[in-house]
C-alpha cells in the first residue's frame, strides 16, 4: 500500500475582500474549480492515485483561479469545467495542456 499520491492537485481558494486590487481565487471560482477536479478525477478513475486539495494563496491572484499540480510543478489557470476536464485528460495521458498554463509569475504575495 502506498502512503502518497502520484499526483497532488492544489486549487487556490484564498479569499480577499471584494474590492481588493488583486482579487482572489475564491471570488473567481476556486471552490467550483476544485469540485470539478474531484468530479473529473472520479469519472476518469484517477482517485486512487490523485489527491485534490484546496490551498491558500499561491501568489498569482490576478490570474486566478490558480491550480498547481505536483510533483510535476505545473501551474494552470482554468476557468471552465471544460478546462478542468482537459487538464484531467492531460494528466491521464501524461500531457501538459499548454493553452491553460499560467504564463507569468508575480514576485511576492500579500
C-alpha atoms as a PDB file:
ATOM      1  CA  UNK A   1       0.000   0.000   0.000  1.00  0.00           C
ATOM      2  CA  UNK A   2       1.335   3.396  -0.980  1.00  0.00           C
ATOM      3  CA  UNK A   3       1.224   6.249   1.528  1.00  0.00           C
ATOM      4  CA  UNK A   4       1.398   9.070  -1.001  1.00  0.00           C
ATOM      5  CA  UNK A   5      -0.236  10.054  -4.246  1.00  0.00           C
ATOM      6  CA  UNK A   6       1.221  10.098  -7.739  1.00  0.00           C
ATOM      7  CA  UNK A   7      -0.476  13.422  -8.436  1.00  0.00           C
ATOM      8  CA  UNK A   8      -1.441  16.138  -5.963  1.00  0.00           C
ATOM      9  CA  UNK A   9      -3.644  18.986  -7.227  1.00  0.00           C
ATOM     10  CA  UNK A  10      -3.825  22.202  -5.199  1.00  0.00           C
ATOM     11  CA  UNK A  11      -6.614  24.641  -6.073  1.00  0.00           C
ATOM     12  CA  UNK A  12      -6.319  28.114  -4.583  1.00  0.00           C
ATOM     13  CA  UNK A  13      -9.369  29.163  -2.598  1.00  0.00           C
ATOM     14  CA  UNK A  14      -7.823  32.171  -0.917  1.00  0.00           C
ATOM     15  CA  UNK A  15     -10.388  34.882  -0.281  1.00  0.00           C
ATOM     16  CA  UNK A  16      -9.778  38.607  -0.051  1.00  0.00           C
ATOM     17  CA  UNK A  17     -12.211  41.493   0.295  1.00  0.00           C
ATOM     18  CA  UNK A  18     -14.322  42.080  -2.790  1.00  0.00           C
ATOM     19  CA  UNK A  19     -12.634  45.413  -3.504  1.00  0.00           C
ATOM     20  CA  UNK A  20      -9.025  44.155  -3.148  1.00  0.00           C
ATOM     21  CA  UNK A  21      -6.915  45.360  -6.074  1.00  0.00           C
ATOM     22  CA  UNK A  22      -5.530  41.878  -6.829  1.00  0.00           C
ATOM     23  CA  UNK A  23      -8.772  39.957  -6.413  1.00  0.00           C
ATOM     24  CA  UNK A  24      -8.880  36.430  -5.052  1.00  0.00           C
ATOM     25  CA  UNK A  25      -9.191  32.916  -6.393  1.00  0.00           C
ATOM     26  CA  UNK A  26     -12.165  32.145  -4.150  1.00  0.00           C
ATOM     27  CA  UNK A  27     -14.142  35.020  -5.693  1.00  0.00           C
ATOM     28  CA  UNK A  28     -13.095  33.905  -9.180  1.00  0.00           C
ATOM     29  CA  UNK A  29     -14.422  30.366  -8.809  1.00  0.00           C
ATOM     30  CA  UNK A  30     -11.728  28.421  -6.931  1.00  0.00           C
ATOM     31  CA  UNK A  31     -14.202  26.322  -4.893  1.00  0.00           C
ATOM     32  CA  UNK A  32     -16.122  25.324  -8.044  1.00  0.00           C
ATOM     33  CA  UNK A  33     -12.882  24.521  -9.874  1.00  0.00           C
ATOM     34  CA  UNK A  34     -11.902  22.169  -7.021  1.00  0.00           C
ATOM     35  CA  UNK A  35     -15.294  20.428  -7.170  1.00  0.00           C
ATOM     36  CA  UNK A  36     -14.926  19.990 -10.932  1.00  0.00           C
ATOM     37  CA  UNK A  37     -11.455  18.479 -10.447  1.00  0.00           C
ATOM     38  CA  UNK A  38     -12.804  15.975  -7.915  1.00  0.00           C
ATOM     39  CA  UNK A  39     -15.663  15.020 -10.232  1.00  0.00           C
ATOM     40  CA  UNK A  40     -13.360  14.644 -13.249  1.00  0.00           C
ATOM     41  CA  UNK A  41     -10.856  12.547 -11.282  1.00  0.00           C
ATOM     42  CA  UNK A  42     -13.702  10.255 -10.221  1.00  0.00           C
ATOM     43  CA  UNK A  43     -15.033   9.956 -13.795  1.00  0.00           C
ATOM     44  CA  UNK A  44     -11.560   9.159 -15.146  1.00  0.00           C
ATOM     45  CA  UNK A  45     -10.809   6.589 -12.443  1.00  0.00           C
ATOM     46  CA  UNK A  46      -7.891   8.572 -11.014  1.00  0.00           C
ATOM     47  CA  UNK A  47      -8.989   8.879  -7.374  1.00  0.00           C
ATOM     48  CA  UNK A  48      -6.703   6.128  -6.041  1.00  0.00           C
ATOM     49  CA  UNK A  49      -3.503   7.882  -7.145  1.00  0.00           C
ATOM     50  CA  UNK A  50      -4.608  11.511  -7.024  1.00  0.00           C
ATOM     51  CA  UNK A  51      -5.440  13.981  -4.280  1.00  0.00           C
ATOM     52  CA  UNK A  52      -7.278  17.271  -4.867  1.00  0.00           C
ATOM     53  CA  UNK A  53      -6.952  19.857  -2.092  1.00  0.00           C
ATOM     54  CA  UNK A  54      -7.836  23.475  -1.596  1.00  0.00           C
ATOM     55  CA  UNK A  55      -4.902  25.741  -0.867  1.00  0.00           C
ATOM     56  CA  UNK A  56      -4.302  29.191   0.461  1.00  0.00           C
ATOM     57  CA  UNK A  57      -2.753  31.942  -1.624  1.00  0.00           C
ATOM     58  CA  UNK A  58      -0.450  30.803  -4.424  1.00  0.00           C
ATOM     59  CA  UNK A  59       0.638  34.407  -5.156  1.00  0.00           C
ATOM     60  CA  UNK A  60      -0.922  34.735  -8.629  1.00  0.00           C
ATOM     61  CA  UNK A  61      -4.250  36.208  -7.570  1.00  0.00           C
ATOM     62  CA  UNK A  62      -4.741  38.491 -10.531  1.00  0.00           C
ATOM     63  CA  UNK A  63      -4.697  35.453 -12.853  1.00  0.00           C
ATOM     64  CA  UNK A  64      -6.899  33.211 -10.716  1.00  0.00           C
ATOM     65  CA  UNK A  65      -8.251  30.814 -10.055  1.00  0.00           C
ATOM     66  CA  UNK A  66      -4.864  29.102  -9.895  1.00  0.00           C
ATOM     67  CA  UNK A  67      -4.103  25.381  -9.786  1.00  0.00           C
ATOM     68  CA  UNK A  68      -0.703  23.804  -9.210  1.00  0.00           C
ATOM     69  CA  UNK A  69      -0.063  20.114  -9.797  1.00  0.00           C
ATOM     70  CA  UNK A  70       2.739  18.211  -8.081  1.00  0.00           C
ATOM     71  CA  UNK A  71       5.144  16.504  -8.390  1.00  0.00           C
ATOM     72  CA  UNK A  72       5.204  17.868 -11.948  1.00  0.00           C
ATOM     73  CA  UNK A  73       5.118  21.502 -10.802  1.00  0.00           C
ATOM     74  CA  UNK A  74       2.614  22.501 -13.491  1.00  0.00           C
ATOM     75  CA  UNK A  75       0.708  25.760 -12.912  1.00  0.00           C
ATOM     76  CA  UNK A  76      -2.667  26.214 -14.596  1.00  0.00           C
ATOM     77  CA  UNK A  77      -5.381  28.859 -14.699  1.00  0.00           C
ATOM     78  CA  UNK A  78      -8.600  27.022 -15.603  1.00  0.00           C
ATOM     79  CA  UNK A  79     -11.828  28.987 -15.895  1.00  0.00           C
ATOM     80  CA  UNK A  80     -14.431  26.439 -17.014  1.00  0.00           C
ATOM     81  CA  UNK A  81     -15.482  22.835 -16.442  1.00  0.00           C
ATOM     82  CA  UNK A  82     -14.188  22.072 -19.928  1.00  0.00           C
ATOM     83  CA  UNK A  83     -10.769  23.471 -18.964  1.00  0.00           C
ATOM     84  CA  UNK A  84     -10.699  21.185 -15.911  1.00  0.00           C
ATOM     85  CA  UNK A  85     -11.752  18.169 -17.986  1.00  0.00           C
ATOM     86  CA  UNK A  86      -8.965  18.922 -20.462  1.00  0.00           C
ATOM     87  CA  UNK A  87      -6.367  19.190 -17.669  1.00  0.00           C
ATOM     88  CA  UNK A  88      -7.514  15.901 -16.110  1.00  0.00           C
ATOM     89  CA  UNK A  89      -7.397  14.247 -19.535  1.00  0.00           C
ATOM     90  CA  UNK A  90      -3.858  15.537 -19.899  1.00  0.00           C
ATOM     91  CA  UNK A  91      -2.921  14.114 -16.507  1.00  0.00           C
ATOM     92  CA  UNK A  92      -4.298  10.733 -17.522  1.00  0.00           C
ATOM     93  CA  UNK A  93      -2.291  10.792 -20.762  1.00  0.00           C
ATOM     94  CA  UNK A  94       0.841  12.369 -19.257  1.00  0.00           C
ATOM     95  CA  UNK A  95       0.451  15.554 -21.306  1.00  0.00           C
ATOM     96  CA  UNK A  96       0.527  19.251 -20.438  1.00  0.00           C
ATOM     97  CA  UNK A  97      -2.332  21.477 -21.628  1.00  0.00           C
ATOM     98  CA  UNK A  98      -0.245  24.364 -22.929  1.00  0.00           C
ATOM     99  CA  UNK A  99      -3.126  26.775 -23.549  1.00  0.00           C
ATOM    100  CA  UNK A 100      -4.096  26.752 -19.850  1.00  0.00           C
ATOM    101  CA  UNK A 101      -0.643  27.235 -18.359  1.00  0.00           C
ATOM    102  CA  UNK A 102      -0.023  30.180 -16.086  1.00  0.00           C
ATOM    103  CA  UNK A 103       2.192  32.239 -18.358  1.00  0.00           C
ATOM    104  CA  UNK A 104       3.647  34.758 -15.958  1.00  0.00           C
ATOM    105  CA  UNK A 105       4.985  34.906 -12.442  1.00  0.00           C
ATOM    106  CA  UNK A 106       4.342  37.651  -9.999  1.00  0.00           C
ATOM    107  CA  UNK A 107       7.013  38.035  -7.346  1.00  0.00           C
ATOM    108  CA  UNK A 108       5.690  38.223  -3.846  1.00  0.00           C
ATOM    109  CA  UNK A 109       2.345  37.792  -2.195  1.00  0.00           C
ATOM    110  CA  UNK A 110       0.184  39.532   0.321  1.00  0.00           C
END
